[in-house]
Amino acid sequence: MRNTFMRPKEIVLRNNTANRPGMTLLEVLLSLLVLVVALAGIGALTSLGRQSGADARDLTMAQLLCEGKMAEIASGVIGPTNNQGRFPNEPDWTFSVTATAAGTPGLLSVRVSVTQDPATYTQPLDFELVRWIPDPDYAAELAQ
């Protein structure tokens, strides 16, 4: 009679997956998860870089416009009077000029502020520059 009873160490598994080539479904899903997380991170960094570039561009434009208006005042092209308005070539930007006595006779403290139009931008950027310049009225008083 034939012995049909087998001991556990003698059992041979026919569906042994350890020797098969290829990847399991779990490995494929985990690699897809890693890929999706990496792409989401790259997308967030790209958006952040674009926003930072736009902010740097706007700040540079504000500085250039403010320095240009201050140069016009310092050179005497326009007088150091309190006024405000828009730039003719940049309609999205407004400026205001405030001139006050600097505390030293013969000097004016000129403050030029440049702001993006709040009607156009949700978070308007502003830049301010202060410079002491000779008071043209004081020089005229001394000449008399």
N, C-alpha and C. Protein backbone atom coordinates (compact mmCIF):
# COMPACT_ATOMS: atom_id res chain seq x y z
N MET A 1 0.81 -1.15 0.00
CA MET A 1 0.00 0.00 0.00
C MET A 1 0.88 1.25 0.00
N ARG A 2 0.39 2.17 -0.66
CA ARG A 2 1.13 3.41 -0.87
C ARG A 2 0.81 4.41 0.24
N ASN A 3 1.82 5.07 0.74
CA ASN A 3 1.62 6.04 1.82
C ASN A 3 1.22 7.38 1.21
N THR A 4 -0.01 7.83 1.47
CA THR A 4 -0.49 9.10 0.93
C THR A 4 -0.26 10.26 1.89
N PHE A 5 0.22 9.95 3.04
CA PHE A 5 0.47 11.00 4.02
C PHE A 5 1.85 11.59 3.78
N MET A 6 1.90 12.95 3.62
CA MET A 6 3.18 13.62 3.40
C MET A 6 3.46 14.53 4.58
N ARG A 7 4.66 14.55 4.95
CA ARG A 7 5.06 15.46 6.01
C ARG A 7 5.17 16.87 5.46
N PRO A 8 5.00 17.94 6.34
CA PRO A 8 4.98 19.34 5.87
C PRO A 8 6.24 19.74 5.11
N LYS A 9 7.40 19.26 5.46
CA LYS A 9 8.59 19.69 4.75
C LYS A 9 8.72 19.08 3.37
N GLU A 10 7.91 18.12 3.08
CA GLU A 10 7.97 17.49 1.79
C GLU A 10 6.94 18.05 0.81
N ILE A 11 6.12 18.97 1.27
CA ILE A 11 5.10 19.55 0.39
C ILE A 11 5.78 20.49 -0.59
N VAL A 12 5.49 20.35 -1.84
CA VAL A 12 6.06 21.20 -2.89
C VAL A 12 4.95 22.10 -3.42
N LEU A 13 5.18 23.36 -3.36
CA LEU A 13 4.19 24.31 -3.88
C LEU A 13 4.39 24.48 -5.37
N ARG A 14 3.33 24.36 -6.10
CA ARG A 14 3.42 24.50 -7.54
C ARG A 14 3.29 25.96 -7.98
N ASN A 15 2.69 26.83 -7.17
CA ASN A 15 2.50 28.24 -7.52
C ASN A 15 3.55 29.12 -6.84
N ASN A 16 4.78 28.76 -6.91
CA ASN A 16 5.86 29.52 -6.29
C ASN A 16 6.15 30.74 -7.16
N THR A 17 5.84 31.96 -6.63
CA THR A 17 6.02 33.19 -7.39
C THR A 17 7.39 33.81 -7.22
N ALA A 18 8.22 33.28 -6.37
CA ALA A 18 9.53 33.85 -6.11
C ALA A 18 10.46 33.71 -7.32
N ASN A 19 10.24 32.76 -8.13
CA ASN A 19 11.13 32.53 -9.27
C ASN A 19 10.60 33.11 -10.58
N ARG A 20 9.45 33.76 -10.56
CA ARG A 20 8.88 34.34 -11.79
C ARG A 20 9.48 35.70 -12.07
N PRO A 21 9.77 36.01 -13.33
CA PRO A 21 10.25 37.36 -13.65
C PRO A 21 9.07 38.32 -13.72
N GLY A 22 9.34 39.64 -13.47
CA GLY A 22 8.30 40.65 -13.56
C GLY A 22 8.04 41.29 -12.22
N MET A 23 7.03 42.17 -12.20
CA MET A 23 6.71 42.94 -11.00
C MET A 23 5.30 42.59 -10.55
N THR A 24 5.09 42.69 -9.27
CA THR A 24 3.75 42.44 -8.74
C THR A 24 2.91 43.70 -8.88
N LEU A 25 1.64 43.56 -8.71
CA LEU A 25 0.73 44.69 -8.80
C LEU A 25 1.03 45.72 -7.70
N LEU A 26 1.39 45.25 -6.53
CA LEU A 26 1.72 46.15 -5.44
C LEU A 26 2.95 47.00 -5.78
N GLU A 27 3.95 46.43 -6.38
CA GLU A 27 5.14 47.17 -6.77
C GLU A 27 4.82 48.23 -7.83
N VAL A 28 3.96 47.89 -8.76
CA VAL A 28 3.56 48.84 -9.80
C VAL A 28 2.79 50.00 -9.18
N LEU A 29 1.87 49.71 -8.28
CA LEU A 29 1.09 50.77 -7.63
C LEU A 29 1.97 51.68 -6.78
N LEU A 30 2.92 51.11 -6.07
CA LEU A 30 3.83 51.94 -5.27
C LEU A 30 4.70 52.83 -6.15
N SER A 31 5.17 52.32 -7.27
CA SER A 31 5.99 53.15 -8.16
C SER A 31 5.15 54.27 -8.79
N LEU A 32 3.89 54.00 -9.10
CA LEU A 32 3.00 55.04 -9.62
C LEU A 32 2.73 56.10 -8.55
N LEU A 33 2.60 55.70 -7.31
CA LEU A 33 2.39 56.65 -6.22
C LEU A 33 3.61 57.58 -6.07
N VAL A 34 4.79 57.02 -6.15
CA VAL A 34 6.01 57.82 -6.06
C VAL A 34 6.07 58.81 -7.23
N LEU A 35 5.72 58.37 -8.41
CA LEU A 35 5.73 59.24 -9.59
C LEU A 35 4.73 60.39 -9.45
N VAL A 36 3.53 60.09 -8.98
CA VAL A 36 2.50 61.13 -8.82
C VAL A 36 2.92 62.15 -7.78
N VAL A 37 3.49 61.71 -6.66
CA VAL A 37 3.94 62.64 -5.62
C VAL A 37 5.07 63.52 -6.15
N ALA A 38 5.99 62.96 -6.92
CA ALA A 38 7.09 63.74 -7.49
C ALA A 38 6.56 64.77 -8.48
N LEU A 39 5.62 64.40 -9.33
CA LEU A 39 5.05 65.35 -10.29
C LEU A 39 4.27 66.46 -9.60
N ALA A 40 3.57 66.13 -8.52
CA ALA A 40 2.85 67.17 -7.77
C ALA A 40 3.83 68.15 -7.15
N GLY A 41 4.93 67.66 -6.62
CA GLY A 41 5.95 68.55 -6.05
C GLY A 41 6.57 69.45 -7.09
N ILE A 42 6.86 68.91 -8.25
CA ILE A 42 7.44 69.71 -9.34
C ILE A 42 6.44 70.77 -9.80
N GLY A 43 5.17 70.41 -9.87
CA GLY A 43 4.15 71.39 -10.27
C GLY A 43 4.04 72.53 -9.27
N ALA A 44 4.10 72.21 -7.98
CA ALA A 44 4.03 73.26 -6.96
C ALA A 44 5.25 74.17 -7.03
N LEU A 45 6.42 73.61 -7.25
CA LEU A 45 7.63 74.43 -7.36
C LEU A 45 7.60 75.31 -8.61
N THR A 46 7.05 74.81 -9.68
CA THR A 46 6.94 75.61 -10.90
C THR A 46 6.00 76.80 -10.68
N SER A 47 4.89 76.56 -10.02
CA SER A 47 3.96 77.65 -9.73
C SER A 47 4.59 78.69 -8.80
N LEU A 48 5.31 78.22 -7.81
CA LEU A 48 5.98 79.13 -6.88
C LEU A 48 7.05 79.96 -7.61
N GLY A 49 7.78 79.34 -8.50
CA GLY A 49 8.80 80.07 -9.27
C GLY A 49 8.19 81.11 -10.18
N ARG A 50 7.07 80.79 -10.80
CA ARG A 50 6.40 81.75 -11.68
C ARG A 50 5.91 82.95 -10.88
N GLN A 51 5.32 82.71 -9.71
CA GLN A 51 4.83 83.81 -8.88
C GLN A 51 5.98 84.67 -8.36
N SER A 52 7.07 84.05 -7.98
CA SER A 52 8.22 84.82 -7.50
C SER A 52 8.82 85.66 -8.62
N GLY A 53 8.84 85.13 -9.82
CA GLY A 53 9.34 85.90 -10.96
C GLY A 53 8.47 87.11 -11.26
N ALA A 54 7.16 86.94 -11.17
CA ALA A 54 6.24 88.06 -11.40
C ALA A 54 6.39 89.12 -10.31
N ASP A 55 6.57 88.69 -9.07
CA ASP A 55 6.77 89.65 -7.98
C ASP A 55 8.07 90.43 -8.17
N ALA A 56 9.13 89.75 -8.57
CA ALA A 56 10.41 90.43 -8.80
C ALA A 56 10.30 91.43 -9.95
N ARG A 57 9.59 91.05 -11.01
CA ARG A 57 9.39 91.95 -12.14
C ARG A 57 8.63 93.21 -11.72
N ASP A 58 7.56 93.03 -10.94
CA ASP A 58 6.76 94.18 -10.50
C ASP A 58 7.55 95.08 -9.55
N LEU A 59 8.33 94.49 -8.66
CA LEU A 59 9.13 95.29 -7.74
C LEU A 59 10.20 96.08 -8.49
N THR A 60 10.81 95.45 -9.47
CA THR A 60 11.80 96.16 -10.29
C THR A 60 11.17 97.31 -11.05
N MET A 61 9.99 97.10 -11.60
CA MET A 61 9.28 98.16 -12.32
C MET A 61 8.95 99.31 -11.37
N ALA A 62 8.50 98.99 -10.15
CA ALA A 62 8.17 100.04 -9.18
C ALA A 62 9.42 100.85 -8.81
N GLN A 63 10.55 100.17 -8.63
CA GLN A 63 11.79 100.88 -8.30
C GLN A 63 12.23 101.78 -9.44
N LEU A 64 12.15 101.29 -10.66
CA LEU A 64 12.56 102.11 -11.81
C LEU A 64 11.67 103.34 -11.98
N LEU A 65 10.36 103.16 -11.84
CA LEU A 65 9.44 104.29 -11.97
C LEU A 65 9.66 105.31 -10.86
N CYS A 66 9.88 104.83 -9.65
CA CYS A 66 10.09 105.72 -8.51
C CYS A 66 11.41 106.49 -8.66
N GLU A 67 12.46 105.80 -9.06
CA GLU A 67 13.74 106.47 -9.25
C GLU A 67 13.68 107.47 -10.41
N GLY A 68 12.93 107.14 -11.44
CA GLY A 68 12.78 108.06 -12.57
C GLY A 68 12.06 109.33 -12.16
N LYS A 69 10.99 109.19 -11.39
CA LYS A 69 10.25 110.37 -10.93
C LYS A 69 11.12 111.20 -9.98
N MET A 70 11.88 110.55 -9.11
CA MET A 70 12.77 111.27 -8.20
C MET A 70 13.87 111.99 -8.97
N ALA A 71 14.38 111.38 -10.04
CA ALA A 71 15.40 112.03 -10.86
C ALA A 71 14.84 113.26 -11.56
N GLU A 72 13.57 113.21 -12.00
CA GLU A 72 12.94 114.38 -12.60
C GLU A 72 12.86 115.53 -11.59
N ILE A 73 12.54 115.21 -10.35
CA ILE A 73 12.44 116.25 -9.32
C ILE A 73 13.81 116.79 -8.96
N ALA A 74 14.78 115.91 -8.77
CA ALA A 74 16.12 116.34 -8.37
C ALA A 74 16.81 117.16 -9.45
N SER A 75 16.53 116.86 -10.71
CA SER A 75 17.16 117.61 -11.80
C SER A 75 16.43 118.91 -12.11
N GLY A 76 15.25 119.10 -11.56
CA GLY A 76 14.52 120.34 -11.78
C GLY A 76 13.58 120.29 -12.96
N VAL A 77 13.39 119.13 -13.56
CA VAL A 77 12.45 119.02 -14.69
C VAL A 77 11.04 119.32 -14.20
N ILE A 78 10.69 118.79 -13.05
CA ILE A 78 9.43 119.13 -12.40
C ILE A 78 9.76 119.64 -11.00
N GLY A 79 8.91 120.47 -10.47
CA GLY A 79 9.16 121.06 -9.15
C GLY A 79 8.83 120.09 -8.03
N PRO A 80 9.46 120.28 -6.88
CA PRO A 80 9.18 119.42 -5.72
C PRO A 80 7.89 119.84 -5.01
N THR A 81 6.78 119.71 -5.70
CA THR A 81 5.49 120.08 -5.13
C THR A 81 4.68 118.82 -4.86
N ASN A 82 3.74 118.94 -3.93
CA ASN A 82 2.88 117.80 -3.63
C ASN A 82 1.92 117.58 -4.79
N ASN A 83 2.04 116.43 -5.41
CA ASN A 83 1.13 116.09 -6.51
C ASN A 83 1.04 114.58 -6.64
N GLN A 84 0.10 114.16 -7.45
CA GLN A 84 -0.07 112.73 -7.72
C GLN A 84 -0.63 112.56 -9.12
N GLY A 85 -0.50 111.36 -9.64
CA GLY A 85 -1.00 111.09 -10.99
C GLY A 85 -0.60 109.71 -11.47
N ARG A 86 -0.76 109.51 -12.75
CA ARG A 86 -0.41 108.24 -13.40
C ARG A 86 0.79 108.46 -14.31
N PHE A 87 1.53 107.41 -14.51
CA PHE A 87 2.63 107.47 -15.47
C PHE A 87 2.06 107.33 -16.88
N PRO A 88 2.50 108.17 -17.82
CA PRO A 88 1.91 108.12 -19.16
C PRO A 88 2.18 106.80 -19.89
N ASN A 89 3.34 106.21 -19.68
CA ASN A 89 3.68 104.97 -20.40
C ASN A 89 3.31 103.71 -19.62
N GLU A 90 2.98 103.86 -18.36
CA GLU A 90 2.60 102.72 -17.51
C GLU A 90 1.28 103.05 -16.81
N PRO A 91 0.15 102.85 -17.46
CA PRO A 91 -1.13 103.28 -16.88
C PRO A 91 -1.56 102.47 -15.66
N ASP A 92 -0.94 101.31 -15.40
CA ASP A 92 -1.30 100.52 -14.22
C ASP A 92 -0.60 101.00 -12.95
N TRP A 93 0.22 102.02 -13.06
CA TRP A 93 0.99 102.52 -11.92
C TRP A 93 0.61 103.98 -11.64
N THR A 94 0.49 104.30 -10.35
CA THR A 94 0.23 105.68 -9.94
C THR A 94 1.39 106.15 -9.06
N PHE A 95 1.55 107.46 -8.98
CA PHE A 95 2.61 108.01 -8.13
C PHE A 95 2.04 109.14 -7.29
N SER A 96 2.72 109.42 -6.20
CA SER A 96 2.41 110.61 -5.40
C SER A 96 3.73 111.17 -4.89
N VAL A 97 3.82 112.49 -4.89
CA VAL A 97 5.02 113.19 -4.45
C VAL A 97 4.62 114.06 -3.26
N THR A 98 5.39 113.95 -2.20
CA THR A 98 5.18 114.77 -1.01
C THR A 98 6.51 115.42 -0.64
N ALA A 99 6.51 116.74 -0.58
CA ALA A 99 7.72 117.48 -0.21
C ALA A 99 7.46 118.21 1.10
N THR A 100 8.33 117.98 2.08
CA THR A 100 8.22 118.65 3.38
C THR A 100 9.59 119.19 3.77
N ALA A 101 9.59 120.12 4.70
CA ALA A 101 10.86 120.66 5.20
C ALA A 101 11.61 119.55 5.91
N ALA A 102 12.92 119.50 5.66
CA ALA A 102 13.72 118.41 6.20
C ALA A 102 14.22 118.68 7.61
N GLY A 103 13.99 119.84 8.14
CA GLY A 103 14.50 120.17 9.46
C GLY A 103 15.81 120.92 9.41
N THR A 104 16.44 120.91 8.26
CA THR A 104 17.67 121.66 8.03
C THR A 104 17.35 122.76 7.04
N PRO A 105 17.72 124.00 7.34
CA PRO A 105 17.40 125.08 6.40
C PRO A 105 18.01 124.82 5.02
N GLY A 106 17.20 125.00 4.00
CA GLY A 106 17.66 124.84 2.63
C GLY A 106 17.48 123.44 2.06
N LEU A 107 16.94 122.51 2.86
CA LEU A 107 16.72 121.15 2.36
C LEU A 107 15.25 120.78 2.42
N LEU A 108 14.84 120.00 1.44
CA LEU A 108 13.49 119.43 1.40
C LEU A 108 13.60 117.92 1.47
N SER A 109 12.68 117.32 2.19
CA SER A 109 12.55 115.87 2.19
C SER A 109 11.46 115.52 1.18
N VAL A 110 11.87 114.91 0.09
CA VAL A 110 10.93 114.56 -0.98
C VAL A 110 10.66 113.06 -0.92
N ARG A 111 9.39 112.72 -0.81
CA ARG A 111 8.97 111.32 -0.74
C ARG A 111 8.16 111.01 -2.00
N VAL A 112 8.63 110.04 -2.77
CA VAL A 112 7.93 109.60 -3.97
C VAL A 112 7.42 108.18 -3.71
N SER A 113 6.12 108.00 -3.86
CA SER A 113 5.49 106.68 -3.69
C SER A 113 4.92 106.23 -5.02
N VAL A 114 5.16 104.99 -5.36
CA VAL A 114 4.64 104.39 -6.59
C VAL A 114 3.81 103.18 -6.19
N THR A 115 2.60 103.09 -6.72
CA THR A 115 1.67 102.02 -6.36
C THR A 115 1.00 101.46 -7.61
N GLN A 116 0.79 100.15 -7.61
CA GLN A 116 -0.01 99.56 -8.68
C GLN A 116 -1.47 99.94 -8.47
N ASP A 117 -2.19 100.03 -9.56
CA ASP A 117 -3.59 100.42 -9.50
C ASP A 117 -4.41 99.37 -8.75
N PRO A 118 -5.03 99.74 -7.61
CA PRO A 118 -5.81 98.76 -6.85
C PRO A 118 -7.03 98.23 -7.59
N ALA A 119 -7.50 98.96 -8.60
CA ALA A 119 -8.64 98.47 -9.38
C ALA A 119 -8.24 97.31 -10.28
N THR A 120 -6.95 97.22 -10.61
CA THR A 120 -6.47 96.17 -11.51
C THR A 120 -5.88 94.99 -10.75
N TYR A 121 -5.20 95.25 -9.65
CA TYR A 121 -4.49 94.20 -8.92
C TYR A 121 -5.16 93.93 -7.58
N THR A 122 -5.26 92.65 -7.22
CA THR A 122 -5.88 92.28 -5.95
C THR A 122 -4.95 92.59 -4.78
N GLN A 123 -3.65 92.44 -4.98
CA GLN A 123 -2.67 92.78 -3.95
C GLN A 123 -1.66 93.76 -4.57
N PRO A 124 -2.04 95.05 -4.62
CA PRO A 124 -1.16 96.01 -5.29
C PRO A 124 0.17 96.19 -4.56
N LEU A 125 1.21 96.31 -5.34
CA LEU A 125 2.55 96.51 -4.82
C LEU A 125 2.83 98.00 -4.74
N ASP A 126 3.54 98.42 -3.70
CA ASP A 126 3.92 99.83 -3.63
C ASP A 126 5.39 99.93 -3.22
N PHE A 127 6.00 101.02 -3.63
CA PHE A 127 7.41 101.27 -3.37
C PHE A 127 7.56 102.75 -3.05
N GLU A 128 8.44 103.07 -2.11
CA GLU A 128 8.58 104.44 -1.67
C GLU A 128 10.08 104.79 -1.59
N LEU A 129 10.39 106.01 -2.02
CA LEU A 129 11.76 106.49 -2.01
C LEU A 129 11.77 107.89 -1.40
N VAL A 130 12.69 108.12 -0.45
CA VAL A 130 12.82 109.42 0.20
C VAL A 130 14.22 109.94 -0.07
N ARG A 131 14.28 111.23 -0.44
CA ARG A 131 15.57 111.85 -0.74
C ARG A 131 15.55 113.30 -0.28
N TRP A 132 16.66 113.76 0.26
CA TRP A 132 16.78 115.17 0.62
C TRP A 132 17.41 115.90 -0.55
N ILE A 133 16.76 116.97 -0.97
CA ILE A 133 17.27 117.77 -2.09
C ILE A 133 17.31 119.23 -1.67
N PRO A 134 18.12 120.02 -2.35
CA PRO A 134 18.14 121.47 -2.03
C PRO A 134 16.79 122.11 -2.35
N ASP A 135 16.36 122.97 -1.48
CA ASP A 135 15.09 123.68 -1.65
C ASP A 135 15.31 124.81 -2.65
N PRO A 136 14.65 124.79 -3.81
CA PRO A 136 14.84 125.85 -4.79
C PRO A 136 14.36 127.22 -4.29
N ASP A 137 13.35 127.25 -3.44
CA ASP A 137 12.86 128.53 -2.89
C ASP A 137 13.89 129.11 -1.93
N TYR A 138 14.57 128.28 -1.18
CA TYR A 138 15.57 128.77 -0.23
C TYR A 138 16.76 129.39 -0.97
N ALA A 139 17.17 128.76 -2.05
CA ALA A 139 18.26 129.31 -2.86
C ALA A 139 17.87 130.66 -3.45
N ALA A 140 16.61 130.82 -3.86
CA ALA A 140 16.13 132.09 -4.39
C ALA A 140 16.09 133.16 -3.31
N GLU A 141 15.73 132.76 -2.07
CA GLU A 141 15.69 133.71 -0.97
C GLU A 141 17.11 134.20 -0.63
N LEU A 142 18.07 133.34 -0.69
CA LEU A 142 19.45 133.72 -0.39
C LEU A 142 20.03 134.64 -1.45
N ALA A 143 19.58 134.47 -2.68
CA ALA A 143 20.10 135.30 -3.77
C ALA A 143 19.60 136.71 -3.69
N GLN A 144 18.47 136.95 -3.02
CA GLN A 144 17.91 138.30 -2.96
C GLN A 144 18.61 139.16 -1.97
